[in-house]
Amino acid sequence: MSQEVSALKYQRILLKLSGEALCPRKGFGIDAETVRRISGEIKRVYDLGVQVAIVVGGGNIWRGADAAATGIDRGTADYVGMLATVMNSLVMQDAMEKLGMVTRVQTAIEMPPVAEPFIRRRAQRHLEQGRVVILAAGSGNPFFTTDTAGALRAVELNAQVLLKATKVDGVYTDDPMRNPQAQKFEELSYMRALNMGLKVMDSTALSLCKDNHLPIVVFNLNDEGALEAIVRGQTYGTLIHDIEEPQWSTSS
């Protein structure tokens, strides 16, 4: 590890991208310019020597829970959603490789003509060799979100932090889009995040991070340079981690 990389706060990260992050401001699908912009943000930390794993959601194409509400079997709907994450992962791979990054897509559901199967030790080796690993198809199990898959893969791959990219710049006491008086948390304990029922990640993902002492940073990937700022150790977004309850704070 080079001296520059060792000086960074995080040398191995897992970035959790929602499917909605890839689509136009309104609607569904994939926006090529947005994908290129996100890939450019990842390239900034890739060039620093940071080992990057990515879990991508599929909500821009298919949402299993919503489909199940229309009468489709929930297990079937979730498997369709897993296939949507594979589509997003392949698009991300194409954009990232065009920027000069070496990538591998691994899937929890085997599909050899498209991607490698997820094998933990192989994924770790890819990271050590400087390849970005894009992890598709969630955990391979219905009834679990891609947030939970992100937490699971982060723990399996010994990531130092789970970076949850959202459309807002952290965790608030209320939806800042609807309530201008909502206050932003600079840091939170896992238990407070769970007890408040904050819609940052589902409770299974939060609990998995809590049990394994894996910090979570919630941030806005639309902010240019945010990802690089976080790996360099700058205060950005909201940090969810092991702290004593009296120490949480908000910023005005």
Protein backbone atom coordinates (compact mmCIF):
# COMPACT_ATOMS: atom_id res chain seq x y z
CA MET A 1 0.00 0.00 0.00
CA SER A 2 1.40 3.36 -1.01
CA GLN A 3 1.97 6.12 1.52
CA GLU A 4 -0.74 8.23 -0.11
CA VAL A 5 -3.34 5.47 0.19
CA SER A 6 -2.41 4.65 3.79
CA ALA A 7 -2.96 8.33 4.67
CA LEU A 8 -6.61 8.08 3.62
CA LYS A 9 -9.25 7.41 6.26
CA TYR A 10 -10.80 4.60 4.22
CA GLN A 11 -8.78 2.35 1.91
CA ARG A 12 -11.55 -0.15 1.14
CA ILE A 13 -15.14 1.01 0.74
CA LEU A 14 -18.48 -0.37 -0.26
CA LEU A 15 -20.64 2.13 -2.12
CA LYS A 16 -24.38 1.46 -2.06
CA LEU A 17 -26.14 3.05 -5.04
CA SER A 18 -29.90 3.05 -5.39
CA GLY A 19 -31.29 2.26 -8.80
CA GLU A 20 -33.07 5.61 -8.70
CA ALA A 21 -29.66 7.32 -8.64
CA LEU A 22 -29.15 6.20 -12.24
CA CYS A 23 -32.42 7.45 -13.70
CA PRO A 24 -33.51 10.89 -14.89
CA ARG A 25 -34.89 13.31 -12.29
CA LYS A 26 -38.39 12.10 -13.01
CA GLY A 27 -39.42 8.68 -14.19
CA PHE A 28 -37.72 5.35 -14.65
CA GLY A 29 -34.91 3.92 -16.75
CA ILE A 30 -31.26 4.80 -17.04
CA ASP A 31 -29.85 8.23 -17.81
CA ALA A 32 -26.51 7.86 -19.60
CA GLU A 33 -25.19 11.25 -18.51
CA THR A 34 -26.00 10.52 -14.86
CA VAL A 35 -24.22 7.17 -15.08
CA ARG A 36 -21.15 8.88 -16.57
CA ARG A 37 -21.16 11.52 -13.83
CA ILE A 38 -21.37 8.93 -11.05
CA SER A 39 -18.62 6.91 -12.71
CA GLY A 40 -16.48 10.03 -12.76
CA GLU A 41 -16.94 10.49 -9.00
CA ILE A 42 -15.88 6.87 -8.44
CA LYS A 43 -12.86 7.39 -10.71
CA ARG A 44 -11.61 10.11 -8.37
CA VAL A 45 -11.23 7.68 -5.47
CA TYR A 46 -10.13 4.84 -7.76
CA ASP A 47 -7.21 7.01 -8.90
CA LEU A 48 -6.24 7.50 -5.25
CA GLY A 49 -5.80 3.73 -4.92
CA VAL A 50 -8.97 3.13 -2.87
CA GLN A 51 -10.39 -0.38 -3.20
CA VAL A 52 -14.02 0.00 -4.30
CA ALA A 53 -16.92 -2.43 -4.18
CA ILE A 54 -20.36 -1.33 -5.35
CA VAL A 55 -23.85 -2.68 -4.73
CA VAL A 56 -26.48 -1.29 -7.10
CA GLY A 57 -30.24 -1.36 -6.58
CA GLY A 58 -32.84 -1.85 -9.29
CA GLY A 59 -35.65 0.52 -8.33
CA ASN A 60 -35.28 2.56 -11.52
CA ILE A 61 -36.47 -0.48 -13.46
CA TRP A 62 -38.47 -2.63 -11.06
CA ARG A 63 -39.53 -2.51 -7.42
CA GLY A 64 -40.41 -5.90 -5.99
CA ALA A 65 -42.53 -4.62 -3.12
CA ASP A 66 -44.58 -2.39 -5.43
CA ALA A 67 -45.05 -5.19 -7.95
CA ALA A 68 -46.14 -7.56 -5.18
CA ALA A 69 -48.83 -5.07 -4.19
CA THR A 70 -50.40 -5.55 -7.63
CA GLY A 71 -50.84 -9.27 -7.01
CA ILE A 72 -47.55 -10.69 -8.32
CA ASP A 73 -46.02 -13.27 -6.00
CA ARG A 74 -43.52 -11.42 -3.77
CA GLY A 75 -40.75 -13.97 -4.27
CA THR A 76 -41.14 -13.76 -8.04
CA ALA A 77 -41.27 -9.97 -7.94
CA ASP A 78 -38.05 -9.84 -5.92
CA TYR A 79 -36.23 -12.14 -8.33
CA VAL A 80 -37.25 -9.85 -11.19
CA GLY A 81 -35.84 -6.97 -9.16
CA MET A 82 -32.55 -8.85 -8.81
CA LEU A 83 -32.33 -9.08 -12.60
CA ALA A 84 -32.88 -5.31 -12.78
CA THR A 85 -29.82 -4.80 -10.57
CA VAL A 86 -27.78 -6.88 -13.02
CA MET A 87 -28.84 -4.59 -15.86
CA ASN A 88 -27.79 -1.53 -13.87
CA SER A 89 -24.48 -3.15 -12.93
CA LEU A 90 -23.60 -3.90 -16.54
CA VAL A 91 -24.36 -0.31 -17.53
CA MET A 92 -22.18 0.96 -14.69
CA GLN A 93 -19.39 -1.42 -15.73
CA ASP A 94 -19.47 -0.13 -19.30
CA ALA A 95 -19.31 3.52 -18.20
CA MET A 96 -16.54 2.92 -15.68
CA GLU A 97 -14.35 0.95 -18.07
CA LYS A 98 -14.66 3.73 -20.64
CA LEU A 99 -13.06 5.97 -18.01
CA GLY A 100 -10.16 3.58 -17.62
CA MET A 101 -11.21 1.63 -14.55
CA VAL A 102 -10.77 -2.14 -14.43
CA THR A 103 -13.99 -3.74 -13.20
CA ARG A 104 -15.62 -7.07 -12.50
CA VAL A 105 -19.33 -7.74 -12.12
CA GLN A 106 -20.24 -10.54 -9.75
CA THR A 107 -23.80 -11.79 -9.30
CA ALA A 108 -25.52 -13.62 -6.46
CA ILE A 109 -27.49 -15.54 -9.11
CA GLU A 110 -25.21 -17.38 -11.48
CA MET A 111 -25.32 -16.23 -15.12
CA PRO A 112 -21.89 -17.13 -16.59
CA PRO A 113 -22.28 -15.43 -20.00
CA VAL A 114 -22.90 -12.11 -18.25
CA ALA A 115 -20.85 -12.00 -15.06
CA GLU A 116 -18.86 -13.97 -12.52
CA PRO A 117 -20.67 -15.64 -9.63
CA PHE A 118 -20.13 -13.97 -6.28
CA ILE A 119 -17.25 -15.72 -4.54
CA ARG A 120 -16.03 -13.84 -1.51
CA ARG A 121 -12.33 -14.69 -1.78
CA ARG A 122 -12.31 -13.96 -5.51
CA ALA A 123 -13.98 -10.60 -4.90
CA GLN A 124 -11.39 -9.78 -2.24
CA ARG A 125 -8.62 -10.70 -4.65
CA HIS A 126 -10.08 -8.42 -7.32
CA LEU A 127 -10.09 -5.56 -4.82
CA GLU A 128 -6.49 -6.25 -3.85
CA GLN A 129 -5.56 -6.15 -7.54
CA GLY A 130 -7.14 -2.73 -7.96
CA ARG A 131 -10.32 -3.81 -9.73
CA VAL A 132 -13.69 -2.30 -8.91
CA VAL A 133 -16.12 -5.07 -7.98
CA ILE A 134 -19.76 -4.42 -8.85
CA LEU A 135 -22.02 -6.76 -6.88
CA ALA A 136 -25.34 -7.50 -8.54
CA ALA A 137 -28.53 -9.47 -7.80
CA GLY A 138 -28.66 -8.39 -4.18
CA SER A 139 -28.04 -11.22 -1.75
CA GLY A 140 -29.67 -13.72 -4.12
CA ASN A 141 -32.61 -14.10 -1.74
CA PRO A 142 -36.12 -12.65 -2.02
CA PHE A 143 -37.55 -10.54 0.82
CA PHE A 144 -34.18 -8.84 1.41
CA THR A 145 -33.40 -5.35 0.14
CA THR A 146 -30.28 -4.28 -1.70
CA ASP A 147 -29.46 -2.17 1.37
CA THR A 148 -29.20 -5.41 3.34
CA ALA A 149 -27.16 -6.92 0.50
CA GLY A 150 -24.86 -3.90 0.68
CA ALA A 151 -24.34 -4.34 4.43
CA LEU A 152 -23.77 -8.07 3.99
CA ARG A 153 -21.21 -7.67 1.20
CA ALA A 154 -19.43 -4.89 3.08
CA VAL A 155 -18.97 -7.18 6.07
CA GLU A 156 -17.96 -10.15 3.91
CA LEU A 157 -15.35 -8.11 2.04
CA ASN A 158 -13.95 -6.42 5.15
CA ALA A 159 -14.86 -2.95 3.91
CA GLN A 160 -13.99 -0.19 6.36
CA VAL A 161 -17.17 1.76 5.71
CA LEU A 162 -20.53 1.46 3.97
CA LEU A 163 -21.24 4.59 1.93
CA LYS A 164 -24.94 5.06 1.30
CA ALA A 165 -25.50 7.45 -1.61
CA THR A 166 -28.82 9.30 -1.51
CA LYS A 167 -30.46 12.39 -2.97
CA VAL A 168 -30.00 14.40 0.24
CA ASP A 169 -26.83 15.34 2.09
CA GLY A 170 -27.38 13.21 5.18
CA VAL A 171 -29.95 12.08 7.74
CA TYR A 172 -32.54 14.57 8.97
CA THR A 173 -35.13 14.65 11.72
CA ASP A 174 -37.76 14.81 8.96
CA ASP A 175 -37.90 14.89 5.18
CA PRO A 176 -36.02 18.13 4.32
CA MET A 177 -37.83 18.29 0.98
CA ARG A 178 -41.14 18.71 2.79
CA ASN A 179 -40.07 20.26 6.07
CA PRO A 180 -37.58 23.15 5.84
CA GLN A 181 -37.25 23.07 9.64
CA ALA A 182 -35.83 19.53 9.60
CA GLN A 183 -32.42 19.33 11.25
CA LYS A 184 -29.50 17.36 9.94
CA PHE A 185 -27.61 14.89 12.10
CA GLU A 186 -23.84 15.04 11.87
CA GLU A 187 -23.61 11.66 13.59
CA LEU A 188 -25.95 9.04 15.01
CA SER A 189 -25.66 5.83 16.95
CA TYR A 190 -27.00 2.69 15.32
CA MET A 191 -29.63 2.31 18.04
CA ARG A 192 -30.90 5.87 17.68
CA ALA A 193 -31.20 5.42 13.92
CA LEU A 194 -33.12 2.19 14.51
CA ASN A 195 -35.36 3.60 17.24
CA MET A 196 -36.25 6.71 15.24
CA GLY A 197 -37.31 4.57 12.30
CA LEU A 198 -35.31 6.78 9.97
CA LYS A 199 -35.77 5.83 6.34
CA VAL A 200 -32.07 5.70 5.65
CA MET A 201 -31.70 1.94 5.40
CA ASP A 202 -33.95 -0.89 6.44
CA SER A 203 -33.61 -2.22 9.98
CA THR A 204 -31.97 -5.47 8.86
CA ALA A 205 -29.15 -3.58 7.15
CA LEU A 206 -28.69 -1.23 10.12
CA SER A 207 -28.65 -4.13 12.57
CA LEU A 208 -26.08 -6.01 10.52
CA CYS A 209 -23.81 -2.95 10.50
CA LYS A 210 -24.35 -2.46 14.23
CA ASP A 211 -23.50 -6.07 15.07
CA ASN A 212 -20.29 -5.85 13.04
CA HIS A 213 -19.32 -2.30 14.04
CA LEU A 214 -19.37 -1.18 10.41
CA PRO A 215 -19.74 2.61 10.11
CA ILE A 216 -22.22 4.03 7.63
CA VAL A 217 -21.92 7.40 5.92
CA VAL A 218 -25.09 8.76 4.32
CA PHE A 219 -24.30 11.43 1.74
CA ASN A 220 -25.43 13.04 -1.49
CA LEU A 221 -23.52 11.65 -4.47
CA ASN A 222 -24.78 14.59 -6.54
CA ASP A 223 -22.34 16.80 -4.62
CA GLU A 224 -19.19 16.92 -6.72
CA GLY A 225 -16.19 15.60 -4.81
CA ALA A 226 -18.25 14.23 -1.91
CA LEU A 227 -16.99 10.68 -2.28
CA GLU A 228 -13.37 11.77 -2.37
CA ALA A 229 -13.89 14.06 0.62
CA ILE A 230 -15.25 11.16 2.68
CA VAL A 231 -12.38 8.76 1.93
CA ARG A 232 -9.93 11.55 2.80
CA GLY A 233 -11.56 11.82 6.22
CA GLN A 234 -13.43 15.09 5.85
CA THR A 235 -16.72 15.48 7.72
CA TYR A 236 -19.44 14.95 5.17
CA GLY A 237 -23.04 13.79 5.29
CA THR A 238 -24.13 11.84 8.38
CA LEU A 239 -22.00 9.24 10.13
CA ILE A 240 -23.83 6.33 11.80
CA HIS A 241 -21.51 4.43 14.10
CA ASP A 242 -20.72 3.28 17.65
CA ILE A 243 -21.18 6.28 19.94
CA GLU A 244 -22.73 6.88 23.33
CA GLU A 245 -26.29 8.16 23.02
CA PRO A 246 -25.68 11.60 24.63
CA GLN A 247 -23.11 12.45 21.95
CA TRP A 248 -25.43 12.72 18.94
CA SER A 249 -25.66 16.16 17.47
CA THR A 250 -27.44 18.10 14.77
CA SER A 251 -26.34 21.01 12.67
CA SER A 252 -28.54 23.98 12.05
